[in-house]
Amino acid sequence: MTILVLGLNNSGKSTIINHFKKPGDQSAIMVPTVGFMVEQFYSMAGVSIKAIDMSGATRYRNLWEHQFKNCHGIIYVIDSSDRMRFVVVKDELDLVLQHPHLCNRIVPILFYGNKSDAEDSLSSVKIAAALSLENIKEKPWHICSSNAISGEGLGEGVQWLVQQMRFAMLSNKDASKAKSKNTK
């Protein structure tokens, strides 16, 4: 299963992916991603996951769309303590949701409200309200508070995402079969 890991720069995307790697493969020092990095890890259920960690820097965000067509799920990481950039987070999310390679497919989205340990962080409920997540009707989504350093909230989120990707893959296959039947 292929997931895209999206979010603005410095939200904690690479640190989250690093948490899921085997202990011997984890990086001690995290550096900003340039372009994108591809990482492989296994969920707690033993599902192989190919994670494409996309840079969140402004000049690299246009690369995101090149990966949309082949992804099965999205992890969208939000720095819950960086309220100043919530407008940009929302704008980028809206662009993702409206993209032609995603808008007509069931692609589950897991939102991590990362850096939940920061004193001024927002709760997942407040993040959901700020980003108007309740308006996402055509895709399953889930938000959870996380701390990429300690791992808090990460396992729960990926477990939900894997389950939803399995459902979505079945639903998308059924929709393709029905569509091809109707065109014959």
N, C-alpha and C. Protein backbone atom coordinates (compact mmCIF):
# COMPACT_ATOMS: atom_id res chain seq x y z
N MET A 1 0.85 -1.18 0.00
CA MET A 1 0.00 0.00 0.00
C MET A 1 0.89 1.23 0.00
N THR A 2 0.51 2.20 -0.80
CA THR A 2 1.28 3.43 -0.92
C THR A 2 0.54 4.58 -0.26
N ILE A 3 1.23 5.28 0.63
CA ILE A 3 0.65 6.47 1.26
C ILE A 3 1.52 7.68 0.97
N LEU A 4 0.88 8.80 0.83
CA LEU A 4 1.59 10.07 0.71
C LEU A 4 1.58 10.73 2.07
N VAL A 5 2.70 11.29 2.44
CA VAL A 5 2.80 12.02 3.70
C VAL A 5 2.97 13.48 3.34
N LEU A 6 1.91 14.25 3.57
CA LEU A 6 1.86 15.66 3.16
C LEU A 6 1.76 16.57 4.37
N GLY A 7 2.02 17.84 4.15
CA GLY A 7 1.93 18.85 5.19
C GLY A 7 2.98 19.91 4.95
N LEU A 8 2.83 21.03 5.61
CA LEU A 8 3.80 22.11 5.45
C LEU A 8 5.15 21.71 6.02
N ASN A 9 6.18 22.45 5.61
CA ASN A 9 7.51 22.18 6.14
C ASN A 9 7.53 22.37 7.66
N ASN A 10 8.34 21.58 8.31
CA ASN A 10 8.52 21.63 9.77
C ASN A 10 7.30 21.18 10.57
N SER A 11 6.41 20.41 9.93
CA SER A 11 5.24 19.92 10.67
C SER A 11 5.54 18.59 11.38
N GLY A 12 6.60 17.90 10.95
CA GLY A 12 6.97 16.64 11.60
C GLY A 12 6.77 15.40 10.75
N LYS A 13 6.61 15.57 9.44
CA LYS A 13 6.36 14.44 8.55
C LYS A 13 7.47 13.39 8.60
N SER A 14 8.70 13.83 8.41
CA SER A 14 9.83 12.89 8.39
C SER A 14 10.04 12.23 9.75
N THR A 15 9.80 12.96 10.81
CA THR A 15 9.95 12.41 12.16
C THR A 15 8.90 11.34 12.41
N ILE A 16 7.69 11.54 11.89
CA ILE A 16 6.64 10.53 12.02
C ILE A 16 7.04 9.26 11.28
N ILE A 17 7.49 9.40 10.04
CA ILE A 17 7.91 8.23 9.26
C ILE A 17 9.08 7.53 9.96
N ASN A 18 10.00 8.31 10.48
CA ASN A 18 11.16 7.75 11.19
C ASN A 18 10.72 6.88 12.36
N HIS A 19 9.65 7.28 13.03
CA HIS A 19 9.14 6.52 14.18
C HIS A 19 8.74 5.09 13.78
N PHE A 20 8.23 4.92 12.57
CA PHE A 20 7.73 3.61 12.14
C PHE A 20 8.83 2.68 11.60
N LYS A 21 10.01 3.21 11.39
CA LYS A 21 11.11 2.37 10.89
C LYS A 21 11.60 1.44 12.00
N LYS A 22 12.26 0.36 11.58
CA LYS A 22 12.88 -0.54 12.55
C LYS A 22 13.93 0.24 13.34
N PRO A 23 14.11 -0.09 14.62
CA PRO A 23 15.06 0.67 15.45
C PRO A 23 16.44 0.88 14.82
N GLY A 24 16.98 -0.11 14.15
CA GLY A 24 18.30 0.02 13.54
C GLY A 24 18.32 0.92 12.31
N ASP A 25 17.14 1.15 11.73
CA ASP A 25 17.05 1.96 10.51
C ASP A 25 16.66 3.41 10.79
N GLN A 26 16.33 3.72 12.04
CA GLN A 26 15.90 5.08 12.38
C GLN A 26 17.06 6.06 12.34
N SER A 27 16.75 7.28 11.93
CA SER A 27 17.76 8.35 11.89
C SER A 27 17.80 9.05 13.24
N ALA A 28 18.99 9.37 13.70
CA ALA A 28 19.15 10.08 14.96
C ALA A 28 18.89 11.57 14.78
N ILE A 29 19.21 12.07 13.60
CA ILE A 29 19.03 13.50 13.31
C ILE A 29 18.13 13.64 12.08
N MET A 30 17.13 14.47 12.20
CA MET A 30 16.21 14.69 11.08
C MET A 30 16.61 15.97 10.35
N VAL A 31 16.63 15.88 9.03
CA VAL A 31 16.92 17.06 8.21
C VAL A 31 15.72 17.30 7.30
N PRO A 32 15.49 18.54 6.89
CA PRO A 32 14.35 18.82 6.02
C PRO A 32 14.42 18.02 4.72
N THR A 33 13.28 17.51 4.30
CA THR A 33 13.21 16.74 3.06
C THR A 33 13.30 17.68 1.87
N VAL A 34 14.12 17.31 0.90
CA VAL A 34 14.24 18.05 -0.35
C VAL A 34 13.55 17.20 -1.41
N GLY A 35 12.49 17.73 -2.02
CA GLY A 35 11.74 16.94 -3.00
C GLY A 35 10.87 15.93 -2.29
N PHE A 36 11.33 14.67 -2.29
CA PHE A 36 10.60 13.64 -1.56
C PHE A 36 11.54 12.49 -1.24
N MET A 37 11.13 11.69 -0.27
CA MET A 37 11.87 10.49 0.13
C MET A 37 10.87 9.34 0.15
N VAL A 38 11.32 8.16 -0.24
CA VAL A 38 10.47 6.98 -0.20
C VAL A 38 10.99 6.07 0.91
N GLU A 39 10.11 5.70 1.81
CA GLU A 39 10.47 4.84 2.94
C GLU A 39 9.52 3.65 2.97
N GLN A 40 10.00 2.54 3.48
CA GLN A 40 9.19 1.33 3.62
C GLN A 40 9.12 0.98 5.09
N PHE A 41 7.92 0.63 5.57
CA PHE A 41 7.78 0.15 6.94
C PHE A 41 6.57 -0.76 7.01
N TYR A 42 6.39 -1.41 8.14
CA TYR A 42 5.27 -2.31 8.34
C TYR A 42 4.37 -1.77 9.44
N SER A 43 3.07 -1.88 9.22
CA SER A 43 2.11 -1.47 10.25
C SER A 43 2.13 -2.52 11.36
N MET A 44 1.43 -2.23 12.46
CA MET A 44 1.36 -3.18 13.57
C MET A 44 0.70 -4.48 13.13
N ALA A 45 -0.15 -4.41 12.09
CA ALA A 45 -0.83 -5.59 11.58
C ALA A 45 0.03 -6.33 10.55
N GLY A 46 1.26 -5.85 10.33
CA GLY A 46 2.17 -6.51 9.40
C GLY A 46 1.98 -6.14 7.94
N VAL A 47 1.23 -5.08 7.68
CA VAL A 47 1.00 -4.63 6.31
C VAL A 47 2.19 -3.79 5.85
N SER A 48 2.72 -4.13 4.67
CA SER A 48 3.84 -3.38 4.10
C SER A 48 3.33 -2.05 3.57
N ILE A 49 3.98 -0.99 4.00
CA ILE A 49 3.58 0.36 3.59
C ILE A 49 4.76 1.07 2.95
N LYS A 50 4.49 1.59 1.76
CA LYS A 50 5.47 2.44 1.08
C LYS A 50 5.01 3.87 1.34
N ALA A 51 5.81 4.61 2.08
CA ALA A 51 5.46 5.99 2.44
C ALA A 51 6.29 6.95 1.60
N ILE A 52 5.61 7.84 0.90
CA ILE A 52 6.30 8.86 0.12
C ILE A 52 6.20 10.15 0.92
N ASP A 53 7.33 10.50 1.52
CA ASP A 53 7.44 11.67 2.39
C ASP A 53 7.73 12.88 1.51
N MET A 54 6.72 13.70 1.28
CA MET A 54 6.83 14.84 0.37
C MET A 54 7.27 16.08 1.13
N SER A 55 8.21 16.81 0.55
CA SER A 55 8.64 18.06 1.17
C SER A 55 7.47 19.02 1.28
N GLY A 56 7.42 19.74 2.38
CA GLY A 56 6.36 20.72 2.58
C GLY A 56 6.79 22.15 2.30
N ALA A 57 8.04 22.31 1.86
CA ALA A 57 8.54 23.65 1.52
C ALA A 57 7.76 24.18 0.32
N THR A 58 7.51 25.47 0.30
CA THR A 58 6.70 26.10 -0.74
C THR A 58 7.15 25.70 -2.14
N ARG A 59 8.43 25.73 -2.40
CA ARG A 59 8.91 25.48 -3.76
C ARG A 59 8.77 24.02 -4.19
N TYR A 60 8.49 23.10 -3.25
CA TYR A 60 8.36 21.69 -3.61
C TYR A 60 6.91 21.19 -3.59
N ARG A 61 5.99 21.99 -3.12
CA ARG A 61 4.60 21.50 -2.98
C ARG A 61 3.97 21.13 -4.32
N ASN A 62 4.45 21.73 -5.41
CA ASN A 62 3.90 21.37 -6.72
C ASN A 62 4.25 19.93 -7.10
N LEU A 63 5.19 19.30 -6.41
CA LEU A 63 5.54 17.90 -6.67
C LEU A 63 4.49 16.94 -6.11
N TRP A 64 3.71 17.39 -5.15
CA TRP A 64 2.73 16.51 -4.51
C TRP A 64 1.83 15.85 -5.54
N GLU A 65 1.31 16.63 -6.47
CA GLU A 65 0.30 16.13 -7.40
C GLU A 65 0.81 15.00 -8.29
N HIS A 66 2.11 14.89 -8.48
CA HIS A 66 2.66 13.83 -9.32
C HIS A 66 2.52 12.46 -8.66
N GLN A 67 2.23 12.43 -7.39
CA GLN A 67 2.09 11.17 -6.65
C GLN A 67 0.64 10.80 -6.37
N PHE A 68 -0.30 11.68 -6.66
CA PHE A 68 -1.70 11.45 -6.29
C PHE A 68 -2.31 10.22 -6.96
N LYS A 69 -1.99 10.00 -8.21
CA LYS A 69 -2.66 8.96 -8.99
C LYS A 69 -2.48 7.56 -8.41
N ASN A 70 -1.33 7.30 -7.83
CA ASN A 70 -1.02 5.94 -7.37
C ASN A 70 -1.07 5.74 -5.86
N CYS A 71 -1.57 6.71 -5.12
CA CYS A 71 -1.60 6.54 -3.67
C CYS A 71 -2.90 5.88 -3.22
N HIS A 72 -2.80 5.15 -2.13
CA HIS A 72 -3.97 4.49 -1.54
C HIS A 72 -4.50 5.23 -0.32
N GLY A 73 -3.68 6.10 0.23
CA GLY A 73 -4.05 6.86 1.42
C GLY A 73 -3.12 8.04 1.60
N ILE A 74 -3.56 8.97 2.44
CA ILE A 74 -2.78 10.18 2.70
C ILE A 74 -2.67 10.39 4.20
N ILE A 75 -1.47 10.72 4.64
CA ILE A 75 -1.27 11.23 5.99
C ILE A 75 -0.97 12.71 5.82
N TYR A 76 -1.80 13.55 6.42
CA TYR A 76 -1.63 15.00 6.33
C TYR A 76 -1.23 15.49 7.71
N VAL A 77 0.01 15.95 7.83
CA VAL A 77 0.56 16.34 9.13
C VAL A 77 0.43 17.84 9.33
N ILE A 78 -0.08 18.22 10.49
CA ILE A 78 -0.30 19.62 10.83
C ILE A 78 0.45 19.91 12.13
N ASP A 79 1.21 20.98 12.13
CA ASP A 79 1.86 21.44 13.36
C ASP A 79 0.77 22.12 14.19
N SER A 80 0.30 21.43 15.23
CA SER A 80 -0.83 21.94 16.02
C SER A 80 -0.48 23.17 16.84
N SER A 81 0.80 23.53 16.88
CA SER A 81 1.19 24.72 17.65
C SER A 81 1.47 25.93 16.75
N ASP A 82 1.38 25.75 15.43
CA ASP A 82 1.70 26.83 14.49
C ASP A 82 0.42 27.42 13.90
N ARG A 83 -0.31 28.15 14.73
CA ARG A 83 -1.60 28.72 14.33
C ARG A 83 -1.47 29.72 13.18
N MET A 84 -0.32 30.37 13.09
CA MET A 84 -0.11 31.39 12.05
C MET A 84 -0.21 30.81 10.64
N ARG A 85 0.04 29.51 10.50
CA ARG A 85 0.04 28.91 9.17
C ARG A 85 -1.19 28.05 8.88
N PHE A 86 -2.19 28.11 9.72
CA PHE A 86 -3.39 27.30 9.50
C PHE A 86 -4.11 27.67 8.20
N VAL A 87 -4.06 28.93 7.82
CA VAL A 87 -4.70 29.36 6.56
C VAL A 87 -3.99 28.68 5.39
N VAL A 88 -2.67 28.64 5.43
CA VAL A 88 -1.90 27.98 4.37
C VAL A 88 -2.17 26.48 4.37
N VAL A 89 -2.24 25.88 5.56
CA VAL A 89 -2.56 24.45 5.67
C VAL A 89 -3.89 24.17 5.00
N LYS A 90 -4.89 25.00 5.29
CA LYS A 90 -6.23 24.82 4.70
C LYS A 90 -6.20 25.00 3.19
N ASP A 91 -5.51 26.02 2.71
CA ASP A 91 -5.42 26.26 1.26
C ASP A 91 -4.78 25.06 0.55
N GLU A 92 -3.70 24.55 1.10
CA GLU A 92 -3.02 23.40 0.49
C GLU A 92 -3.90 22.15 0.54
N LEU A 93 -4.60 21.95 1.65
CA LEU A 93 -5.51 20.82 1.76
C LEU A 93 -6.62 20.91 0.72
N ASP A 94 -7.18 22.09 0.54
CA ASP A 94 -8.23 22.28 -0.47
C ASP A 94 -7.74 21.94 -1.86
N LEU A 95 -6.51 22.33 -2.19
CA LEU A 95 -5.93 21.99 -3.50
C LEU A 95 -5.79 20.48 -3.66
N VAL A 96 -5.37 19.81 -2.60
CA VAL A 96 -5.24 18.35 -2.64
C VAL A 96 -6.60 17.71 -2.89
N LEU A 97 -7.60 18.12 -2.13
CA LEU A 97 -8.93 17.52 -2.23
C LEU A 97 -9.59 17.75 -3.59
N GLN A 98 -9.25 18.85 -4.25
CA GLN A 98 -9.86 19.19 -5.54
C GLN A 98 -9.11 18.63 -6.73
N HIS A 99 -7.97 18.01 -6.50
CA HIS A 99 -7.17 17.52 -7.63
C HIS A 99 -7.90 16.40 -8.37
N PRO A 100 -7.88 16.41 -9.71
CA PRO A 100 -8.61 15.41 -10.50
C PRO A 100 -8.22 13.95 -10.20
N HIS A 101 -6.98 13.71 -9.80
CA HIS A 101 -6.56 12.33 -9.51
C HIS A 101 -7.04 11.85 -8.14
N LEU A 102 -7.61 12.76 -7.34
CA LEU A 102 -8.08 12.38 -6.01
C LEU A 102 -9.57 12.60 -5.81
N CYS A 103 -10.13 13.60 -6.45
CA CYS A 103 -11.51 14.00 -6.11
C CYS A 103 -12.55 12.93 -6.46
N ASN A 104 -12.27 12.05 -7.40
CA ASN A 104 -13.25 11.03 -7.78
C ASN A 104 -12.90 9.64 -7.26
N ARG A 105 -11.95 9.56 -6.36
CA ARG A 105 -11.56 8.29 -5.77
C ARG A 105 -11.74 8.32 -4.27
N ILE A 106 -11.98 7.14 -3.71
CA ILE A 106 -12.03 7.03 -2.26
C ILE A 106 -10.60 6.85 -1.77
N VAL A 107 -10.04 7.91 -1.23
CA VAL A 107 -8.68 7.89 -0.69
C VAL A 107 -8.77 8.40 0.75
N PRO A 108 -8.62 7.50 1.72
CA PRO A 108 -8.72 7.93 3.12
C PRO A 108 -7.60 8.88 3.52
N ILE A 109 -7.94 9.81 4.39
CA ILE A 109 -6.97 10.81 4.85
C ILE A 109 -6.88 10.76 6.37
N LEU A 110 -5.67 10.56 6.84
CA LEU A 110 -5.38 10.60 8.27
C LEU A 110 -4.70 11.93 8.56
N PHE A 111 -5.28 12.69 9.46
CA PHE A 111 -4.68 13.96 9.88
C PHE A 111 -4.02 13.74 11.23
N TYR A 112 -2.76 14.12 11.32
CA TYR A 112 -2.07 14.13 12.60
C TYR A 112 -1.95 15.58 13.05
N GLY A 113 -2.53 15.91 14.19
CA GLY A 113 -2.31 17.19 14.84
C GLY A 113 -1.04 17.03 15.65
N ASN A 114 0.10 17.21 14.99
CA ASN A 114 1.39 16.89 15.59
C ASN A 114 1.87 17.98 16.55
N LYS A 115 2.85 17.61 17.33
CA LYS A 115 3.44 18.49 18.35
C LYS A 115 2.42 18.82 19.44
N SER A 116 1.61 17.81 19.78
CA SER A 116 0.56 17.99 20.78
C SER A 116 1.12 18.28 22.16
N ASP A 117 2.41 18.04 22.35
CA ASP A 117 3.05 18.31 23.63
C ASP A 117 3.40 19.78 23.81
N ALA A 118 3.36 20.55 22.72
CA ALA A 118 3.70 21.98 22.81
C ALA A 118 2.63 22.70 23.63
N GLU A 119 3.07 23.66 24.41
CA GLU A 119 2.19 24.38 25.33
C GLU A 119 1.02 25.05 24.61
N ASP A 120 1.25 25.60 23.45
CA ASP A 120 0.21 26.35 22.74
C ASP A 120 -0.46 25.55 21.63
N SER A 121 -0.37 24.22 21.69
CA SER A 121 -0.96 23.39 20.64
C SER A 121 -2.48 23.36 20.75
N LEU A 122 -3.12 23.20 19.59
CA LEU A 122 -4.57 23.08 19.55
C LEU A 122 -4.97 21.62 19.64
N SER A 123 -6.12 21.35 20.20
CA SER A 123 -6.64 19.99 20.26
C SER A 123 -7.07 19.56 18.86
N SER A 124 -7.23 18.26 18.67
CA SER A 124 -7.66 17.76 17.36
C SER A 124 -9.04 18.29 16.99
N VAL A 125 -9.90 18.50 17.97
CA VAL A 125 -11.24 19.06 17.71
C VAL A 125 -11.13 20.48 17.16
N LYS A 126 -10.26 21.29 17.76
CA LYS A 126 -10.09 22.67 17.29
C LYS A 126 -9.41 22.72 15.93
N ILE A 127 -8.48 21.81 15.68
CA ILE A 127 -7.84 21.75 14.36
C ILE A 127 -8.88 21.39 13.31
N ALA A 128 -9.70 20.39 13.60
CA ALA A 128 -10.74 19.96 12.66
C ALA A 128 -11.67 21.13 12.33
N ALA A 129 -12.03 21.91 13.33
CA ALA A 129 -12.90 23.06 13.11
C ALA A 129 -12.19 24.13 12.29
N ALA A 130 -10.93 24.41 12.61
CA ALA A 130 -10.17 25.44 11.89
C ALA A 130 -10.00 25.10 10.42
N LEU A 131 -9.89 23.81 10.11
CA LEU A 131 -9.69 23.37 8.73
C LEU A 131 -10.99 22.96 8.04
N SER A 132 -12.11 23.09 8.75
CA SER A 132 -13.44 22.71 8.22
C SER A 132 -13.45 21.27 7.72
N LEU A 133 -12.86 20.38 8.48
CA LEU A 133 -12.79 18.98 8.07
C LEU A 133 -14.17 18.34 7.96
N GLU A 134 -15.13 18.87 8.68
CA GLU A 134 -16.49 18.31 8.61
C GLU A 134 -17.08 18.43 7.20
N ASN A 135 -16.50 19.27 6.36
CA ASN A 135 -16.97 19.43 4.98
C ASN A 135 -16.43 18.36 4.04
N ILE A 136 -15.53 17.53 4.51
CA ILE A 136 -15.02 16.44 3.68
C ILE A 136 -16.02 15.30 3.79
N LYS A 137 -16.82 15.14 2.77
CA LYS A 137 -17.90 14.15 2.78
C LYS A 137 -17.58 12.91 1.95
N GLU A 138 -16.77 13.07 0.91
CA GLU A 138 -16.56 12.00 -0.06
C GLU A 138 -15.37 11.09 0.26
N LYS A 139 -14.67 11.37 1.33
CA LYS A 139 -13.51 10.57 1.70
C LYS A 139 -13.55 10.28 3.21
N PRO A 140 -13.19 9.06 3.59
CA PRO A 140 -13.08 8.81 5.02
C PRO A 140 -11.88 9.59 5.57
N TRP A 141 -12.05 10.18 6.73
CA TRP A 141 -10.95 10.90 7.35
C TRP A 141 -11.01 10.72 8.86
N HIS A 142 -9.85 10.92 9.45
CA HIS A 142 -9.72 10.77 10.90
C HIS A 142 -8.63 11.72 11.35
N ILE A 143 -8.81 12.33 12.49
CA ILE A 143 -7.76 13.20 13.04
C ILE A 143 -7.40 12.73 14.43
N CYS A 144 -6.12 12.74 14.72
CA CYS A 144 -5.70 12.42 16.08
C CYS A 144 -4.49 13.27 16.45
N SER A 145 -4.44 13.60 17.71
CA SER A 145 -3.29 14.33 18.23
C SER A 145 -2.09 13.40 18.23
N SER A 146 -0.93 13.96 17.94
CA SER A 146 0.27 13.12 17.91
C SER A 146 1.48 13.88 18.42
N ASN A 147 2.46 13.09 18.80
CA ASN A 147 3.76 13.60 19.18
C ASN A 147 4.77 12.70 18.47
N ALA A 148 5.36 13.19 17.40
CA ALA A 148 6.26 12.37 16.58
C ALA A 148 7.50 11.93 17.35
N ILE A 149 7.91 12.71 18.33
CA ILE A 149 9.11 12.36 19.11
C ILE A 149 8.83 11.17 20.03
N SER A 150 7.73 11.23 20.77
CA SER A 150 7.41 10.14 21.71
C SER A 150 6.64 9.00 21.05
N GLY A 151 6.02 9.28 19.91
CA GLY A 151 5.22 8.27 19.22
C GLY A 151 3.75 8.28 19.61
N GLU A 152 3.39 9.14 20.54
CA GLU A 152 2.01 9.21 21.03
C GLU A 152 1.04 9.47 19.87
N GLY A 153 0.01 8.63 19.75
CA GLY A 153 -1.03 8.80 18.74
C GLY A 153 -0.71 8.26 17.36
N LEU A 154 0.54 7.91 17.11
CA LEU A 154 0.93 7.49 15.76
C LEU A 154 0.39 6.11 15.38
N GLY A 155 0.53 5.14 16.28
CA GLY A 155 0.08 3.78 15.98
C GLY A 155 -1.41 3.71 15.74
N GLU A 156 -2.17 4.39 16.58
CA GLU A 156 -3.63 4.43 16.44
C GLU A 156 -4.02 4.95 15.06
N GLY A 157 -3.35 6.02 14.64
CA GLY A 157 -3.67 6.63 13.36
C GLY A 157 -3.38 5.73 12.18
N VAL A 158 -2.20 5.12 12.16
CA VAL A 158 -1.84 4.26 11.03
C VAL A 158 -2.73 3.02 10.99
N GLN A 159 -3.09 2.51 12.16
CA GLN A 159 -4.00 1.36 12.22
C GLN A 159 -5.33 1.72 11.54
N TRP A 160 -5.87 2.90 11.84
CA TRP A 160 -7.11 3.36 11.20
C TRP A 160 -6.90 3.49 9.69
N LEU A 161 -5.79 4.09 9.28
CA LEU A 161 -5.54 4.33 7.86
C LEU A 161 -5.44 3.02 7.08
N VAL A 162 -4.73 2.04 7.60
CA VAL A 162 -4.60 0.75 6.91
C VAL A 162 -5.96 0.10 6.72
N GLN A 163 -6.78 0.12 7.77
CA GLN A 163 -8.12 -0.46 7.68
C GLN A 163 -8.95 0.26 6.61
N GLN A 164 -8.89 1.58 6.59
CA GLN A 164 -9.66 2.36 5.62
C GLN A 164 -9.14 2.16 4.19
N MET A 165 -7.83 2.02 4.04
CA MET A 165 -7.27 1.78 2.70
C MET A 165 -7.75 0.44 2.15
N ARG A 166 -7.84 -0.56 3.01
CA ARG A 166 -8.36 -1.86 2.58
C ARG A 166 -9.80 -1.72 2.09
N PHE A 167 -10.64 -1.04 2.85
CA PHE A 167 -12.02 -0.82 2.44
C PHE A 167 -12.09 -0.04 1.13
N ALA A 168 -11.29 1.01 1.03
CA ALA A 168 -11.30 1.87 -0.15
C ALA A 168 -10.85 1.11 -1.39
N MET A 169 -9.84 0.26 -1.25
CA MET A 169 -9.36 -0.50 -2.41
C MET A 169 -10.46 -1.42 -2.92
N LEU A 170 -11.21 -2.04 -2.01
CA LEU A 170 -12.33 -2.88 -2.42
C LEU A 170 -13.42 -2.05 -3.08
N SER A 171 -13.75 -0.91 -2.49
CA SER A 171 -14.79 -0.04 -3.05
C SER A 171 -14.40 0.50 -4.42
N ASN A 172 -13.15 0.91 -4.57
CA ASN A 172 -12.69 1.44 -5.85
C ASN A 172 -12.69 0.35 -6.92
N LYS A 173 -12.34 -0.90 -6.55
CA LYS A 173 -12.39 -2.02 -7.50
C LYS A 173 -13.82 -2.28 -7.93
N ASP A 174 -14.75 -2.31 -6.96
CA ASP A 174 -16.16 -2.54 -7.28
C ASP A 174 -16.69 -1.45 -8.21
N ALA A 175 -16.31 -0.20 -7.96
CA ALA A 175 -16.75 0.91 -8.80
C ALA A 175 -16.19 0.78 -10.21
N SER A 176 -14.95 0.33 -10.34
CA SER A 176 -14.34 0.14 -11.66
C SER A 176 -15.04 -0.96 -12.43
N LYS A 177 -15.36 -2.06 -11.74
CA LYS A 177 -16.07 -3.17 -12.39
C LYS A 177 -17.44 -2.72 -12.88
N ALA A 178 -18.16 -1.99 -12.04
CA ALA A 178 -19.49 -1.51 -12.41
C ALA A 178 -19.40 -0.55 -13.59
N LYS A 179 -18.40 0.30 -13.59
CA LYS A 179 -18.23 1.26 -14.67
C LYS A 179 -17.92 0.55 -15.99
N SER A 180 -17.04 -0.45 -15.95
CA SER A 180 -16.69 -1.17 -17.18
C SER A 180 -17.86 -2.00 -17.68
N LYS A 181 -18.70 -2.51 -16.78
CA LYS A 181 -19.90 -3.25 -17.17
C LYS A 181 -20.88 -2.33 -17.91
N ASN A 182 -21.03 -1.11 -17.40
CA ASN A 182 -21.97 -0.16 -17.98
C ASN A 182 -21.52 0.37 -19.32
N THR A 183 -20.22 0.30 -19.61
CA THR A 183 -19.73 0.83 -20.88
C THR A 183 -19.70 -0.22 -21.98
N LYS A 184 -20.02 -1.47 -21.64
CA LYS A 184 -20.01 -2.54 -22.65
C LYS A 184 -21.30 -2.59 -23.42
